[in-house]
Each structure stands twice: as C-alpha cells, then as structure tokens.
Amino acid sequence: MKFRLILNSTTKKGHPVQIKFNVPPSKHLGLINFLKIAMENENDVELAIEKIEDGKSELSKVHGTFKLTEESTPSKAD
C-alpha cells in the first residue's frame, strides 16, 4: 500500500495546481492516526512550513488552518 499527500489549489486565473508528497511506509500508521484523531474530534488542522538551514530550523511565514472532512459517496438510485 502507498500513501500520498495531495494538495490542490487554483491560480489567479482559476487554473488547477497540485503537488503530491509521498508518505514513506514508516509514517503510514502515524498519518492514519493523525487523520483519525483530527476527524473524530472535529479539530482544526494547522498547516505550517518549517525551514531548516545549516542545522537551524525556523517556521516560515506561510501557515493556515482547515478542517478535515470525510467525503461521502453518492448513493445509487435503484
């Protein structure tokens, strides 16, 4: 099984843009647990970028918050 984190957005002109990050197998369980906790408790998720240079780390000015939701599958009309 493979996991990939996919981020979607749009440009000023409305064109879709996407970036994909592979999640290594050693992090699968951690990702699953994180998503489960965030969704069950309906907590906000904060996105931040950490910049690491010459062994020093600092948070970037880029950040945001969002909620995770479970996508519902449309029911088939019989």
C-alpha atoms as a PDB file:
ATOM      1  CA  MET A   1       0.000   0.000   0.000  1.00  0.00           C
ATOM      2  CA  LYS A   2       1.203   3.532  -0.771  1.00  0.00           C
ATOM      3  CA  PHE A   3       0.067   6.853   0.682  1.00  0.00           C
ATOM      4  CA  ARG A   4       0.463  10.218  -0.974  1.00  0.00           C
ATOM      5  CA  LEU A   5      -0.459  13.615   0.495  1.00  0.00           C
ATOM      6  CA  ILE A   6      -2.050  15.710  -2.266  1.00  0.00           C
ATOM      7  CA  LEU A   7      -2.524  19.484  -2.029  1.00  0.00           C
ATOM      8  CA  ASN A   8      -4.806  21.237  -4.521  1.00  0.00           C
ATOM      9  CA  SER A   9      -5.360  24.911  -5.208  1.00  0.00           C
ATOM     10  CA  THR A  10      -6.027  27.239  -8.123  1.00  0.00           C
ATOM     11  CA  THR A  11      -4.117  30.085  -9.760  1.00  0.00           C
ATOM     12  CA  LYS A  12      -5.406  33.663 -10.065  1.00  0.00           C
ATOM     13  CA  LYS A  13      -6.899  32.701 -13.422  1.00  0.00           C
ATOM     14  CA  GLY A  14      -8.661  29.651 -11.954  1.00  0.00           C
ATOM     15  CA  HIS A  15      -6.304  27.010 -13.327  1.00  0.00           C
ATOM     16  CA  PRO A  16      -5.871  23.997 -11.035  1.00  0.00           C
ATOM     17  CA  VAL A  17      -2.478  23.371  -9.454  1.00  0.00           C
ATOM     18  CA  GLN A  18      -1.492  20.289  -7.480  1.00  0.00           C
ATOM     19  CA  ILE A  19       1.502  18.944  -5.611  1.00  0.00           C
ATOM     20  CA  LYS A  20       1.928  15.403  -4.296  1.00  0.00           C
ATOM     21  CA  PHE A  21       4.144  14.230  -1.427  1.00  0.00           C
ATOM     22  CA  ASN A  22       4.835  10.520  -0.982  1.00  0.00           C
ATOM     23  CA  VAL A  23       4.405   9.274   2.586  1.00  0.00           C
ATOM     24  CA  PRO A  24       7.022   6.625   3.423  1.00  0.00           C
ATOM     25  CA  PRO A  25       5.760   3.325   4.855  1.00  0.00           C
ATOM     26  CA  SER A  26       7.388   4.109   8.221  1.00  0.00           C
ATOM     27  CA  LYS A  27       4.980   7.087   8.562  1.00  0.00           C
ATOM     28  CA  HIS A  28       1.742   5.378   7.390  1.00  0.00           C
ATOM     29  CA  LEU A  29       0.466   4.500  10.852  1.00  0.00           C
ATOM     30  CA  GLY A  30       1.253   7.975  12.190  1.00  0.00           C
ATOM     31  CA  LEU A  31      -0.608   9.615   9.289  1.00  0.00           C
ATOM     32  CA  ILE A  32      -3.632   7.335   9.705  1.00  0.00           C
ATOM     33  CA  ASN A  33      -3.781   8.036  13.450  1.00  0.00           C
ATOM     34  CA  PHE A  34      -3.383  11.793  12.929  1.00  0.00           C
ATOM     35  CA  LEU A  35      -6.201  11.923  10.373  1.00  0.00           C
ATOM     36  CA  LYS A  36      -8.430   9.766  12.558  1.00  0.00           C
ATOM     37  CA  ILE A  37      -7.903  11.963  15.636  1.00  0.00           C
ATOM     38  CA  ALA A  38      -8.440  15.217  13.709  1.00  0.00           C
ATOM     39  CA  MET A  39     -11.656  13.948  12.096  1.00  0.00           C
ATOM     40  CA  GLU A  40     -13.169  12.261  15.165  1.00  0.00           C
ATOM     41  CA  ASN A  41     -12.627  15.319  17.362  1.00  0.00           C
ATOM     42  CA  GLU A  42     -13.513  17.802  14.582  1.00  0.00           C
ATOM     43  CA  ASN A  43     -10.373  19.773  15.425  1.00  0.00           C
ATOM     44  CA  ASP A  44      -8.764  22.351  13.168  1.00  0.00           C
ATOM     45  CA  VAL A  45      -5.577  21.225  11.445  1.00  0.00           C
ATOM     46  CA  GLU A  46      -2.795  23.774  11.190  1.00  0.00           C
ATOM     47  CA  LEU A  47      -0.507  23.800   8.167  1.00  0.00           C
ATOM     48  CA  ALA A  48       2.938  25.310   8.630  1.00  0.00           C
ATOM     49  CA  ILE A  49       6.228  25.115   6.779  1.00  0.00           C
ATOM     50  CA  GLU A  50       9.458  24.585   8.694  1.00  0.00           C
ATOM     51  CA  LYS A  51      12.613  25.829   7.032  1.00  0.00           C
ATOM     52  CA  ILE A  52      15.826  24.019   8.014  1.00  0.00           C
ATOM     53  CA  GLU A  53      19.160  25.510   7.015  1.00  0.00           C
ATOM     54  CA  ASP A  54      22.608  24.754   8.417  1.00  0.00           C
ATOM     55  CA  GLY A  55      21.068  22.714  11.241  1.00  0.00           C
ATOM     56  CA  LYS A  56      18.826  25.589  12.356  1.00  0.00           C
ATOM     57  CA  SER A  57      15.074  25.439  11.943  1.00  0.00           C
ATOM     58  CA  GLU A  58      12.543  28.223  11.796  1.00  0.00           C
ATOM     59  CA  LEU A  59       8.879  28.421  10.908  1.00  0.00           C
ATOM     60  CA  SER A  60       8.055  30.070   7.621  1.00  0.00           C
ATOM     61  CA  LYS A  61       5.555  32.908   7.429  1.00  0.00           C
ATOM     62  CA  VAL A  62       3.314  30.611   5.373  1.00  0.00           C
ATOM     63  CA  HIS A  63       0.622  28.970   7.525  1.00  0.00           C
ATOM     64  CA  GLY A  64      -3.093  28.217   7.591  1.00  0.00           C
ATOM     65  CA  THR A  65      -5.809  26.194   9.281  1.00  0.00           C
ATOM     66  CA  PHE A  66      -8.502  23.921   7.892  1.00  0.00           C
ATOM     67  CA  LYS A  67     -10.876  21.135   8.906  1.00  0.00           C
ATOM     68  CA  LEU A  68     -10.740  17.592   7.598  1.00  0.00           C
ATOM     69  CA  THR A  69     -13.986  16.075   6.368  1.00  0.00           C
ATOM     70  CA  GLU A  70     -14.849  12.639   5.157  1.00  0.00           C
ATOM     71  CA  GLU A  71     -16.042  12.581   1.567  1.00  0.00           C
ATOM     72  CA  SER A  72     -19.396  10.906   1.247  1.00  0.00           C
ATOM     73  CA  THR A  73     -20.013   8.561  -1.628  1.00  0.00           C
ATOM     74  CA  PRO A  74     -23.166   9.227  -3.662  1.00  0.00           C
ATOM     75  CA  SER A  75     -25.837   6.583  -3.238  1.00  0.00           C
ATOM     76  CA  LYS A  76     -27.054   4.708  -6.285  1.00  0.00           C
ATOM     77  CA  ALA A  77     -30.692   5.226  -7.186  1.00  0.00           C
ATOM     78  CA  ASP A  78     -32.340   1.876  -7.836  1.00  0.00           C
END
